[in-house]
């Protein structure tokens, strides 16, 4: 089995440079940061954005603002 993991270059139209600011468009790179494979049938890839520390959009999974929110646990945890 061959798995190819690559970075993606693109435009983020939801970047917020300041808390409560309006969204703007910036160039970003989404790159794989970690690959976890507990067994051969499951592979999990964690990716990150190069602008994550500068973004205050709480709705964006990659932003530092979203990481400060309380984590949602799966049912049964």
PDB file of N, CA and C in Angstrom:
ATOM      1  N   UNK A   1       0.845  -1.160   0.000  1.00  0.00           N
ATOM      2  CA  UNK A   1       0.000   0.000   0.000  1.00  0.00           C
ATOM      3  C   UNK A   1       0.905   1.242   0.000  1.00  0.00           C
ATOM      4  N   UNK A   2       0.560   2.202  -0.845  1.00  0.00           N
ATOM      5  CA  UNK A   2       1.300   3.456  -0.913  1.00  0.00           C
ATOM      6  C   UNK A   2       0.390   4.599  -0.500  1.00  0.00           C
ATOM      7  N   UNK A   3       0.888   5.434   0.387  1.00  0.00           N
ATOM      8  CA  UNK A   3       0.124   6.589   0.852  1.00  0.00           C
ATOM      9  C   UNK A   3       0.939   7.831   0.546  1.00  0.00           C
ATOM     10  N   UNK A   4       0.297   8.786  -0.076  1.00  0.00           N
ATOM     11  CA  UNK A   4       0.963  10.033  -0.438  1.00  0.00           C
ATOM     12  C   UNK A   4       0.368  11.173   0.390  1.00  0.00           C
ATOM     13  N   UNK A   5       1.209  11.867   1.121  1.00  0.00           N
ATOM     14  CA  UNK A   5       0.768  12.970   1.974  1.00  0.00           C
ATOM     15  C   UNK A   5       1.482  14.231   1.489  1.00  0.00           C
ATOM     16  N   UNK A   6       0.703  15.250   1.109  1.00  0.00           N
ATOM     17  CA  UNK A   6       1.292  16.466   0.558  1.00  0.00           C
ATOM     18  C   UNK A   6       0.695  17.714   1.192  1.00  0.00           C
ATOM     19  N   UNK A   7       1.417  18.807   1.081  1.00  0.00           N
ATOM     20  CA  UNK A   7       0.897  20.113   1.496  1.00  0.00           C
ATOM     21  C   UNK A   7       0.001  20.670   0.407  1.00  0.00           C
ATOM     22  N   UNK A   8      -0.921  21.552   0.796  1.00  0.00           N
ATOM     23  CA  UNK A   8      -1.817  22.202  -0.144  1.00  0.00           C
ATOM     24  C   UNK A   8      -1.663  23.706  -0.008  1.00  0.00           C
ATOM     25  N   UNK A   9      -1.433  24.378  -1.119  1.00  0.00           N
ATOM     26  CA  UNK A   9      -1.332  25.833  -1.135  1.00  0.00           C
ATOM     27  C   UNK A   9      -2.642  26.378  -1.660  1.00  0.00           C
ATOM     28  N   UNK A  10      -3.170  27.409  -1.018  1.00  0.00           N
ATOM     29  CA  UNK A  10      -4.445  27.962  -1.460  1.00  0.00           C
ATOM     30  C   UNK A  10      -4.745  29.305  -0.835  1.00  0.00           C
ATOM     31  N   UNK A  11      -5.983  29.713  -0.975  1.00  0.00           N
ATOM     32  CA  UNK A  11      -6.461  30.977  -0.435  1.00  0.00           C
ATOM     33  C   UNK A  11      -7.469  30.697   0.671  1.00  0.00           C
ATOM     34  N   UNK A  12      -7.279  31.340   1.817  1.00  0.00           N
ATOM     35  CA  UNK A  12      -8.261  31.281   2.897  1.00  0.00           C
ATOM     36  C   UNK A  12      -9.042  32.583   2.849  1.00  0.00           C
ATOM     37  N   UNK A  13     -10.341  32.475   2.668  1.00  0.00           N
ATOM     38  CA  UNK A  13     -11.190  33.664   2.594  1.00  0.00           C
ATOM     39  C   UNK A  13     -11.839  33.998   3.932  1.00  0.00           C
ATOM     40  N   UNK A  14     -11.507  33.235   4.978  1.00  0.00           N
ATOM     41  CA  UNK A  14     -12.099  33.432   6.308  1.00  0.00           C
ATOM     42  C   UNK A  14     -11.074  33.863   7.349  1.00  0.00           C
ATOM     43  N   UNK A  15      -9.881  34.266   6.933  1.00  0.00           N
ATOM     44  CA  UNK A  15      -8.826  34.695   7.851  1.00  0.00           C
ATOM     45  C   UNK A  15      -9.242  35.981   8.560  1.00  0.00           C
ATOM     46  N   UNK A  16      -9.059  36.012   9.881  1.00  0.00           N
ATOM     47  CA  UNK A  16      -9.363  37.220  10.664  1.00  0.00           C
ATOM     48  C   UNK A  16      -8.088  37.645  11.393  1.00  0.00           C
ATOM     49  N   UNK A  17      -7.590  38.827  11.066  1.00  0.00           N
ATOM     50  CA  UNK A  17      -6.338  39.313  11.636  1.00  0.00           C
ATOM     51  C   UNK A  17      -6.498  39.818  13.067  1.00  0.00           C
ATOM     52  N   UNK A  18      -7.722  40.121  13.459  1.00  0.00           N
ATOM     53  CA  UNK A  18      -7.951  40.589  14.827  1.00  0.00           C
ATOM     54  C   UNK A  18      -9.281  40.053  15.336  1.00  0.00           C
ATOM     55  N   UNK A  19      -9.390  39.951  16.645  1.00  0.00           N
ATOM     56  CA  UNK A  19     -10.617  39.447  17.265  1.00  0.00           C
ATOM     57  C   UNK A  19     -11.778  40.382  16.933  1.00  0.00           C
ATOM     58  N   UNK A  20     -12.850  39.825  16.407  1.00  0.00           N
ATOM     59  CA  UNK A  20     -14.016  40.607  16.030  1.00  0.00           C
ATOM     60  C   UNK A  20     -13.864  41.320  14.699  1.00  0.00           C
ATOM     61  N   UNK A  21     -12.750  41.080  14.014  1.00  0.00           N
ATOM     62  CA  UNK A  21     -12.513  41.727  12.721  1.00  0.00           C
ATOM     63  C   UNK A  21     -13.324  41.079  11.609  1.00  0.00           C
ATOM     64  N   UNK A  22     -13.224  41.632  10.430  1.00  0.00           N
ATOM     65  CA  UNK A  22     -13.947  41.064   9.295  1.00  0.00           C
ATOM     66  C   UNK A  22     -13.019  40.104   8.541  1.00  0.00           C
ATOM     67  N   UNK A  23     -13.589  39.047   7.943  1.00  0.00           N
ATOM     68  CA  UNK A  23     -12.785  38.079   7.196  1.00  0.00           C
ATOM     69  C   UNK A  23     -12.096  38.731   5.995  1.00  0.00           C
ATOM     70  N   UNK A  24     -10.893  38.250   5.712  1.00  0.00           N
ATOM     71  CA  UNK A  24     -10.156  38.712   4.550  1.00  0.00           C
ATOM     72  C   UNK A  24      -9.487  37.512   3.881  1.00  0.00           C
ATOM     73  N   UNK A  25      -9.016  37.697   2.663  1.00  0.00           N
ATOM     74  CA  UNK A  25      -8.367  36.616   1.913  1.00  0.00           C
ATOM     75  C   UNK A  25      -6.854  36.691   2.082  1.00  0.00           C
ATOM     76  N   UNK A  26      -6.253  35.548   2.417  1.00  0.00           N
ATOM     77  CA  UNK A  26      -4.795  35.450   2.519  1.00  0.00           C
ATOM     78  C   UNK A  26      -4.344  34.131   1.897  1.00  0.00           C
ATOM     79  N   UNK A  27      -3.106  34.081   1.486  1.00  0.00           N
ATOM     80  CA  UNK A  27      -2.513  32.855   0.951  1.00  0.00           C
ATOM     81  C   UNK A  27      -2.083  31.980   2.123  1.00  0.00           C
ATOM     82  N   UNK A  28      -2.414  30.686   2.070  1.00  0.00           N
ATOM     83  CA  UNK A  28      -2.076  29.761   3.162  1.00  0.00           C
ATOM     84  C   UNK A  28      -1.473  28.478   2.617  1.00  0.00           C
ATOM     85  N   UNK A  29      -0.857  27.722   3.520  1.00  0.00           N
ATOM     86  CA  UNK A  29      -0.355  26.387   3.219  1.00  0.00           C
ATOM     87  C   UNK A  29      -0.885  25.463   4.308  1.00  0.00           C
ATOM     88  N   UNK A  30      -1.605  24.423   3.900  1.00  0.00           N
ATOM     89  CA  UNK A  30      -2.079  23.391   4.828  1.00  0.00           C
ATOM     90  C   UNK A  30      -1.143  22.197   4.653  1.00  0.00           C
ATOM     91  N   UNK A  31      -0.487  21.803   5.737  1.00  0.00           N
ATOM     92  CA  UNK A  31       0.504  20.727   5.668  1.00  0.00           C
ATOM     93  C   UNK A  31       0.213  19.647   6.693  1.00  0.00           C
ATOM     94  N   UNK A  32       0.559  18.403   6.355  1.00  0.00           N
ATOM     95  CA  UNK A  32       0.424  17.328   7.344  1.00  0.00           C
ATOM     96  C   UNK A  32       1.464  17.520   8.448  1.00  0.00           C
ATOM     97  N   UNK A  33       1.028  17.379   9.705  1.00  0.00           N
ATOM     98  CA  UNK A  33       1.920  17.547  10.844  1.00  0.00           C
ATOM     99  C   UNK A  33       2.242  16.225  11.525  1.00  0.00           C
ATOM    100  N   UNK A  34       1.248  15.330  11.536  1.00  0.00           N
ATOM    101  CA  UNK A  34       1.417  14.075  12.256  1.00  0.00           C
ATOM    102  C   UNK A  34       0.603  12.984  11.575  1.00  0.00           C
ATOM    103  N   UNK A  35       1.178  11.788  11.464  1.00  0.00           N
ATOM    104  CA  UNK A  35       0.464  10.624  10.946  1.00  0.00           C
ATOM    105  C   UNK A  35       0.453   9.571  12.040  1.00  0.00           C
ATOM    106  N   UNK A  36      -0.751   9.128  12.398  1.00  0.00           N
ATOM    107  CA  UNK A  36      -0.904   8.110  13.439  1.00  0.00           C
ATOM    108  C   UNK A  36      -1.541   6.882  12.808  1.00  0.00           C
ATOM    109  N   UNK A  37      -0.939   5.738  13.054  1.00  0.00           N
ATOM    110  CA  UNK A  37      -1.477   4.487  12.531  1.00  0.00           C
ATOM    111  C   UNK A  37      -1.435   3.424  13.630  1.00  0.00           C
ATOM    112  N   UNK A  38      -2.509   3.365  14.446  1.00  0.00           N
ATOM    113  CA  UNK A  38      -2.527   2.370  15.524  1.00  0.00           C
ATOM    114  C   UNK A  38      -2.509   0.935  14.994  1.00  0.00           C
ATOM    115  N   UNK A  39      -3.060   0.723  13.813  1.00  0.00           N
ATOM    116  CA  UNK A  39      -2.991  -0.568  13.145  1.00  0.00           C
ATOM    117  C   UNK A  39      -3.055  -0.311  11.639  1.00  0.00           C
ATOM    118  N   UNK A  40      -2.850  -1.328  10.838  1.00  0.00           N
ATOM    119  CA  UNK A  40      -2.754  -1.127   9.384  1.00  0.00           C
ATOM    120  C   UNK A  40      -4.071  -0.715   8.728  1.00  0.00           C
ATOM    121  N   UNK A  41      -5.180  -0.936   9.387  1.00  0.00           N
ATOM    122  CA  UNK A  41      -6.467  -0.591   8.773  1.00  0.00           C
ATOM    123  C   UNK A  41      -6.918   0.838   9.096  1.00  0.00           C
ATOM    124  N   UNK A  42      -6.266   1.493  10.042  1.00  0.00           N
ATOM    125  CA  UNK A  42      -6.633   2.860  10.434  1.00  0.00           C
ATOM    126  C   UNK A  42      -5.432   3.783  10.317  1.00  0.00           C
ATOM    127  N   UNK A  43      -5.637   4.895   9.625  1.00  0.00           N
ATOM    128  CA  UNK A  43      -4.600   5.912   9.526  1.00  0.00           C
ATOM    129  C   UNK A  43      -5.259   7.258   9.801  1.00  0.00           C
ATOM    130  N   UNK A  44      -4.656   8.056  10.654  1.00  0.00           N
ATOM    131  CA  UNK A  44      -5.182   9.384  10.970  1.00  0.00           C
ATOM    132  C   UNK A  44      -4.097  10.412  10.699  1.00  0.00           C
ATOM    133  N   UNK A  45      -4.436  11.418   9.912  1.00  0.00           N
ATOM    134  CA  UNK A  45      -3.492  12.472   9.572  1.00  0.00           C
ATOM    135  C   UNK A  45      -3.962  13.777  10.203  1.00  0.00           C
ATOM    136  N   UNK A  46      -3.084  14.427  10.964  1.00  0.00           N
ATOM    137  CA  UNK A  46      -3.381  15.719  11.558  1.00  0.00           C
ATOM    138  C   UNK A  46      -2.669  16.781  10.725  1.00  0.00           C
ATOM    139  N   UNK A  47      -3.437  17.755  10.239  1.00  0.00           N
ATOM    140  CA  UNK A  47      -2.870  18.812   9.403  1.00  0.00           C
ATOM    141  C   UNK A  47      -2.920  20.148  10.118  1.00  0.00           C
ATOM    142  N   UNK A  48      -2.127  21.098   9.633  1.00  0.00           N
ATOM    143  CA  UNK A  48      -2.097  22.427  10.223  1.00  0.00           C
ATOM    144  C   UNK A  48      -1.910  23.496   9.165  1.00  0.00           C
ATOM    145  N   UNK A  49      -2.272  24.710   9.524  1.00  0.00           N
ATOM    146  CA  UNK A  49      -2.187  25.866   8.634  1.00  0.00           C
ATOM    147  C   UNK A  49      -1.010  26.746   9.059  1.00  0.00           C
ATOM    148  N   UNK A  50      -0.297  27.318   8.098  1.00  0.00           N
ATOM    149  CA  UNK A  50       0.837  28.164   8.436  1.00  0.00           C
ATOM    150  C   UNK A  50       0.422  29.504   9.056  1.00  0.00           C
ATOM    151  N   UNK A  51      -0.863  29.869   8.953  1.00  0.00           N
ATOM    152  CA  UNK A  51      -1.340  31.133   9.509  1.00  0.00           C
ATOM    153  C   UNK A  51      -2.134  30.941  10.814  1.00  0.00           C
ATOM    154  N   UNK A  52      -2.062  29.775  11.425  1.00  0.00           N
ATOM    155  CA  UNK A  52      -2.910  29.449  12.566  1.00  0.00           C
ATOM    156  C   UNK A  52      -2.721  30.386  13.758  1.00  0.00           C
ATOM    157  N   UNK A  53      -1.511  30.841  14.020  1.00  0.00           N
ATOM    158  CA  UNK A  53      -1.276  31.700  15.190  1.00  0.00           C
ATOM    159  C   UNK A  53      -1.791  33.120  14.985  1.00  0.00           C
ATOM    160  N   UNK A  54      -1.876  33.567  13.744  1.00  0.00           N
ATOM    161  CA  UNK A  54      -2.292  34.941  13.457  1.00  0.00           C
ATOM    162  C   UNK A  54      -3.794  35.070  13.229  1.00  0.00           C
ATOM    163  N   UNK A  55      -4.513  33.942  13.173  1.00  0.00           N
ATOM    164  CA  UNK A  55      -5.939  33.956  12.848  1.00  0.00           C
ATOM    165  C   UNK A  55      -6.802  33.919  14.107  1.00  0.00           C
ATOM    166  N   UNK A  56      -7.802  34.804  14.145  1.00  0.00           N
ATOM    167  CA  UNK A  56      -8.701  34.884  15.297  1.00  0.00           C
ATOM    168  C   UNK A  56     -10.110  34.389  14.966  1.00  0.00           C
ATOM    169  N   UNK A  57     -10.248  33.607  13.900  1.00  0.00           N
ATOM    170  CA  UNK A  57     -11.545  33.063  13.507  1.00  0.00           C
ATOM    171  C   UNK A  57     -11.822  31.796  14.322  1.00  0.00           C
ATOM    172  N   UNK A  58     -12.736  31.883  15.292  1.00  0.00           N
ATOM    173  CA  UNK A  58     -13.038  30.739  16.154  1.00  0.00           C
ATOM    174  C   UNK A  58     -13.738  29.610  15.404  1.00  0.00           C
ATOM    175  N   UNK A  59     -14.295  29.885  14.240  1.00  0.00           N
ATOM    176  CA  UNK A  59     -14.983  28.854  13.463  1.00  0.00           C
ATOM    177  C   UNK A  59     -14.022  28.017  12.632  1.00  0.00           C
ATOM    178  N   UNK A  60     -12.769  28.437  12.507  1.00  0.00           N
ATOM    179  CA  UNK A  60     -11.779  27.699  11.725  1.00  0.00           C
ATOM    180  C   UNK A  60     -11.081  26.664  12.608  1.00  0.00           C
ATOM    181  N   UNK A  61     -11.097  25.433  12.177  1.00  0.00           N
ATOM    182  CA  UNK A  61     -10.488  24.330  12.917  1.00  0.00           C
ATOM    183  C   UNK A  61      -9.000  24.556  13.173  1.00  0.00           C
ATOM    184  N   UNK A  62      -8.306  25.197  12.248  1.00  0.00           N
ATOM    185  CA  UNK A  62      -6.862  25.367  12.350  1.00  0.00           C
ATOM    186  C   UNK A  62      -6.426  26.555  13.207  1.00  0.00           C
ATOM    187  N   UNK A  63      -7.265  27.536  13.427  1.00  0.00           N
ATOM    188  CA  UNK A  63      -6.846  28.790  14.075  1.00  0.00           C
ATOM    189  C   UNK A  63      -6.531  28.614  15.559  1.00  0.00           C
ATOM    190  N   UNK A  64      -5.671  29.500  16.057  1.00  0.00           N
ATOM    191  CA  UNK A  64      -5.342  29.458  17.481  1.00  0.00           C
ATOM    192  C   UNK A  64      -6.558  29.817  18.326  1.00  0.00           C
ATOM    193  N   UNK A  65      -7.442  30.673  17.799  1.00  0.00           N
ATOM    194  CA  UNK A  65      -8.657  31.054  18.531  1.00  0.00           C
ATOM    195  C   UNK A  65      -9.565  29.848  18.744  1.00  0.00           C
ATOM    196  N   UNK A  66      -9.667  28.971  17.762  1.00  0.00           N
ATOM    197  CA  UNK A  66     -10.508  27.776  17.889  1.00  0.00           C
ATOM    198  C   UNK A  66      -9.907  26.783  18.878  1.00  0.00           C
ATOM    199  N   UNK A  67      -8.609  26.748  18.967  1.00  0.00           N
ATOM    200  CA  UNK A  67      -7.948  25.808  19.879  1.00  0.00           C
ATOM    201  C   UNK A  67      -8.129  26.209  21.341  1.00  0.00           C
ATOM    202  N   UNK A  68      -8.497  27.458  21.596  1.00  0.00           N
ATOM    203  CA  UNK A  68      -8.726  27.926  22.965  1.00  0.00           C
ATOM    204  C   UNK A  68     -10.135  27.600  23.462  1.00  0.00           C
ATOM    205  N   UNK A  69     -11.019  27.172  22.545  1.00  0.00           N
ATOM    206  CA  UNK A  69     -12.381  26.813  22.923  1.00  0.00           C
ATOM    207  C   UNK A  69     -12.379  25.473  23.665  1.00  0.00           C
ATOM    208  N   UNK A  70     -13.408  25.204  24.464  1.00  0.00           N
ATOM    209  CA  UNK A  70     -13.495  23.898  25.130  1.00  0.00           C
ATOM    210  C   UNK A  70     -13.629  22.788  24.086  1.00  0.00           C
ATOM    211  N   UNK A  71     -12.954  21.671  24.336  1.00  0.00           N
ATOM    212  CA  UNK A  71     -13.010  20.549  23.414  1.00  0.00           C
ATOM    213  C   UNK A  71     -14.330  19.802  23.567  1.00  0.00           C
ATOM    214  N   UNK A  72     -14.864  19.340  22.459  1.00  0.00           N
ATOM    215  CA  UNK A  72     -16.095  18.547  22.456  1.00  0.00           C
ATOM    216  C   UNK A  72     -15.683  17.078  22.492  1.00  0.00           C
ATOM    217  N   UNK A  73     -16.205  16.357  23.463  1.00  0.00           N
ATOM    218  CA  UNK A  73     -15.866  14.946  23.595  1.00  0.00           C
ATOM    219  C   UNK A  73     -16.857  14.078  22.832  1.00  0.00           C
ATOM    220  N   UNK A  74     -16.373  12.959  22.322  1.00  0.00           N
ATOM    221  CA  UNK A  74     -17.226  11.992  21.638  1.00  0.00           C
ATOM    222  C   UNK A  74     -18.146  11.326  22.658  1.00  0.00           C
ATOM    223  N   UNK A  75     -19.282  10.840  22.185  1.00  0.00           N
ATOM    224  CA  UNK A  75     -20.222  10.134  23.059  1.00  0.00           C
ATOM    225  C   UNK A  75     -19.531   8.905  23.658  1.00  0.00           C
ATOM    226  N   UNK A  76     -19.668   8.718  24.938  1.00  0.00           N
ATOM    227  CA  UNK A  76     -19.078   7.564  25.600  1.00  0.00           C
ATOM    228  C   UNK A  76     -17.713   7.839  26.205  1.00  0.00           C
ATOM    229  N   UNK A  77     -17.187   9.052  26.031  1.00  0.00           N
ATOM    230  CA  UNK A  77     -15.869   9.358  26.617  1.00  0.00           C
ATOM    231  C   UNK A  77     -16.029   9.933  27.998  1.00  0.00           C
TER     232      UNK A  77
END
